[in-house]
Protein backbone atom coordinates (compact mmCIF):
# COMPACT_ATOMS: atom_id res chain seq x y z
CA UNK A 1 33.49 -70.18 -78.82
CA UNK A 2 31.32 -67.15 -78.26
CA UNK A 3 27.61 -67.54 -77.70
CA UNK A 4 25.22 -64.79 -77.47
CA UNK A 5 22.19 -64.79 -75.33
CA UNK A 6 19.18 -62.53 -74.66
CA UNK A 7 19.34 -62.00 -70.95
CA UNK A 8 16.44 -62.40 -68.85
CA UNK A 9 16.64 -59.73 -66.05
CA UNK A 10 13.92 -61.28 -64.15
CA UNK A 11 16.28 -64.32 -63.38
CA UNK A 12 18.52 -63.46 -60.59
CA UNK A 13 21.73 -65.15 -61.74
CA UNK A 14 21.52 -63.29 -65.22
CA UNK A 15 20.54 -60.18 -63.53
CA UNK A 16 23.51 -60.27 -61.07
CA UNK A 17 25.91 -61.28 -63.93
CA UNK A 18 24.87 -58.33 -66.26
CA UNK A 19 24.98 -56.05 -63.51
CA UNK A 20 28.45 -56.82 -62.58
CA UNK A 21 29.63 -56.60 -66.19
CA UNK A 22 27.96 -53.21 -66.51
CA UNK A 23 29.83 -52.08 -63.24
CA UNK A 24 32.96 -53.32 -64.75
CA UNK A 25 32.15 -51.13 -67.77
CA UNK A 26 31.44 -48.21 -65.57
CA UNK A 27 34.84 -48.73 -63.86
CA UNK A 28 36.68 -48.78 -67.35
CA UNK A 29 38.12 -45.67 -68.61
CA UNK A 30 35.67 -45.74 -71.50
CA UNK A 31 32.88 -45.97 -69.00
CA UNK A 32 33.88 -43.00 -66.95
CA UNK A 33 36.26 -44.81 -64.50
CA UNK A 34 33.77 -44.63 -61.36
CA UNK A 35 31.64 -47.67 -61.25
CA UNK A 36 27.96 -47.80 -60.71
CA UNK A 37 26.80 -46.23 -57.40
CA UNK A 38 24.89 -48.31 -54.84
CA UNK A 39 21.71 -46.42 -55.68
CA UNK A 40 22.09 -47.14 -59.37
CA UNK A 41 22.83 -50.73 -58.72
CA UNK A 42 19.66 -50.81 -56.69
CA UNK A 43 17.28 -49.27 -59.11
CA UNK A 44 18.77 -50.13 -62.47
CA UNK A 45 17.10 -53.43 -62.98
CA UNK A 46 13.55 -52.47 -62.02
CA UNK A 47 13.83 -49.44 -64.25
CA UNK A 48 15.21 -51.41 -67.34
CA UNK A 49 12.37 -53.93 -66.85
CA UNK A 50 9.88 -50.97 -67.39
CA UNK A 51 11.44 -50.59 -70.82
CA UNK A 52 9.09 -52.55 -72.99
CA UNK A 53 11.24 -52.41 -76.11
CA UNK A 54 14.79 -53.43 -74.92
CA UNK A 55 17.40 -55.89 -75.86
CA UNK A 56 19.88 -56.96 -73.39
CA UNK A 57 22.52 -59.20 -74.65
CA UNK A 58 25.27 -61.37 -72.95
CA UNK A 59 28.29 -62.81 -74.64
CA UNK A 60 29.41 -66.06 -73.04
CA UNK A 61 32.54 -67.72 -73.58
CA UNK A 62 32.70 -71.36 -71.80
CA UNK A 63 29.60 -70.22 -69.84
CA UNK A 64 31.30 -67.05 -68.38
CA UNK A 65 29.66 -63.79 -69.32
CA UNK A 66 32.56 -61.68 -70.98
CA UNK A 67 30.53 -58.98 -72.70
CA UNK A 68 27.39 -57.08 -73.00
CA UNK A 69 25.14 -54.86 -75.35
CA UNK A 70 22.32 -52.96 -74.30
CA UNK A 71 19.81 -51.57 -76.66
CA UNK A 72 16.68 -49.53 -76.62
CA UNK A 73 13.94 -48.74 -79.15
CA UNK A 74 13.67 -45.20 -80.60
CA UNK A 75 11.95 -43.69 -83.33
CA UNK A 76 13.20 -41.98 -86.72
CA UNK A 77 10.73 -39.29 -87.70
CA UNK A 78 12.45 -38.93 -91.01
CA UNK A 79 12.00 -42.66 -91.77
CA UNK A 80 8.58 -42.99 -89.76
CA UNK A 81 9.87 -46.00 -88.36
CA UNK A 82 11.30 -47.30 -85.10
CA UNK A 83 15.14 -47.71 -84.73
CA UNK A 84 17.32 -49.40 -82.12
CA UNK A 85 19.86 -47.34 -80.26
CA UNK A 86 22.75 -49.27 -78.74
CA UNK A 87 23.39 -47.73 -75.47
CA UNK A 88 26.19 -49.79 -73.93
CA UNK A 89 28.60 -52.30 -75.41
CA UNK A 90 31.35 -53.77 -73.21
CA UNK A 91 33.79 -56.46 -73.68
CA UNK A 92 35.63 -57.74 -70.46
CA UNK A 93 39.43 -57.16 -70.81
CA UNK A 94 40.17 -60.98 -70.63
CA UNK A 95 38.15 -61.37 -73.73
CA UNK A 96 39.15 -58.58 -75.92
CA UNK A 97 40.43 -59.49 -79.38
CA UNK A 98 38.56 -62.71 -79.48
CA UNK A 99 35.64 -61.58 -81.40
CA UNK A 100 33.15 -60.80 -78.80
CA UNK A 101 32.34 -57.40 -79.95
CA UNK A 102 31.61 -58.74 -83.46
CA UNK A 103 29.25 -61.49 -82.33
CA UNK A 104 27.45 -59.03 -80.29
CA UNK A 105 26.96 -56.69 -83.23
CA UNK A 106 26.05 -59.51 -85.68
CA UNK A 107 23.41 -60.72 -83.25
CA UNK A 108 21.92 -57.27 -82.54
CA UNK A 109 21.74 -56.44 -86.29
CA UNK A 110 19.93 -59.72 -86.92
CA UNK A 111 17.35 -59.09 -84.19
CA UNK A 112 16.93 -55.54 -85.52
CA UNK A 113 16.33 -56.60 -88.93
CA UNK A 114 13.75 -59.24 -87.88
CA UNK A 115 11.85 -56.62 -85.77
CA UNK A 116 11.72 -54.27 -88.66
CA UNK A 117 13.77 -51.45 -87.30
CA UNK A 118 14.99 -48.84 -89.94
CA UNK A 119 18.49 -48.45 -88.49
CA UNK A 120 20.83 -49.18 -85.51
CA UNK A 121 22.38 -46.17 -83.90
CA UNK A 122 25.05 -45.55 -81.27
CA UNK A 123 27.48 -42.93 -79.79
CA UNK A 124 31.15 -43.40 -79.28
CA UNK A 125 33.92 -41.53 -77.59
CA UNK A 126 36.33 -39.88 -79.95
CA UNK A 127 39.16 -41.34 -77.96
CA UNK A 128 37.81 -45.00 -78.19
CA UNK A 129 39.46 -45.78 -81.48
CA UNK A 130 39.36 -49.49 -80.82
CA UNK A 131 35.59 -49.43 -80.68
CA UNK A 132 35.45 -47.19 -83.81
CA UNK A 133 37.22 -49.54 -85.79
CA UNK A 134 34.90 -52.29 -84.73
CA UNK A 135 31.94 -50.15 -85.53
CA UNK A 136 33.27 -49.23 -88.87
CA UNK A 137 33.70 -52.87 -89.72
CA UNK A 138 30.19 -53.51 -88.73
CA UNK A 139 29.07 -50.85 -91.21
CA UNK A 140 28.67 -47.99 -88.86
CA UNK A 141 29.60 -44.55 -89.95
CA UNK A 142 29.18 -40.97 -88.81
CA UNK A 143 25.62 -39.47 -89.15
CA UNK A 144 25.06 -36.50 -91.37
CA UNK A 145 22.13 -35.16 -93.54
CA UNK A 146 24.27 -32.94 -95.70
CA UNK A 147 27.99 -33.18 -96.17
CA UNK A 148 28.23 -29.28 -96.14
CA UNK A 149 26.70 -29.15 -92.57
CA UNK A 150 29.00 -32.07 -91.23
CA UNK A 151 28.37 -34.98 -88.89
CA UNK A 152 25.81 -35.04 -86.04
CA UNK A 153 27.32 -34.50 -82.47
CA UNK A 154 25.73 -36.27 -79.35
CA UNK A 155 25.08 -33.59 -76.70
CA UNK A 156 23.65 -34.08 -73.32
CA UNK A 157 22.14 -31.80 -70.37
CA UNK A 158 22.09 -33.69 -67.02
CA UNK A 159 18.78 -33.05 -65.18
C-alpha cells in the first residue's frame, strides 16, 4: 500500500530521505542525468525551508520512500488567486507502475483544493510520454488562452 506523507525537512531522517530521492531524480534521464552537485545538496534544504508556501511530499511503500512531489505557491494574475506549481515529481524505478504517481497527484490535489488554490500547474518534457499519460489521466492538459495562438511553452534563462 502507498502512503503519502508531508515531509518535514527539519527532521534529519526525512530530509536525507527526500534529498536522496531528489538526487535519484536528478540522476535519471528525465532529471538531466547528472545528479545534484555537492553545493546544491548542502544549500537546498535551508533554501527550501525559507519558502513559506511549499508542499513536499514523500510516497511511502512499506516504510520505504519510493516517490516525491515538490510544489510551491505561485499566483495567477488572471484569476487573482494563488496557484500551486508542481516543480518535481519522481517515482523510484523499483516502484513504477504501482500507482505511486497517482497517489501523489491525488494528495496534492486534495491539499490544493483545501488551501483554495485556483489551479495546479506543472511542466513536462516532450519526451516523457509516461509522465504525460499520468498527467492527462489526472486531468492536466496543455495551457492555452486562445486555440489560434496555440499552447504555452515553458522557457528559461539561467542566471
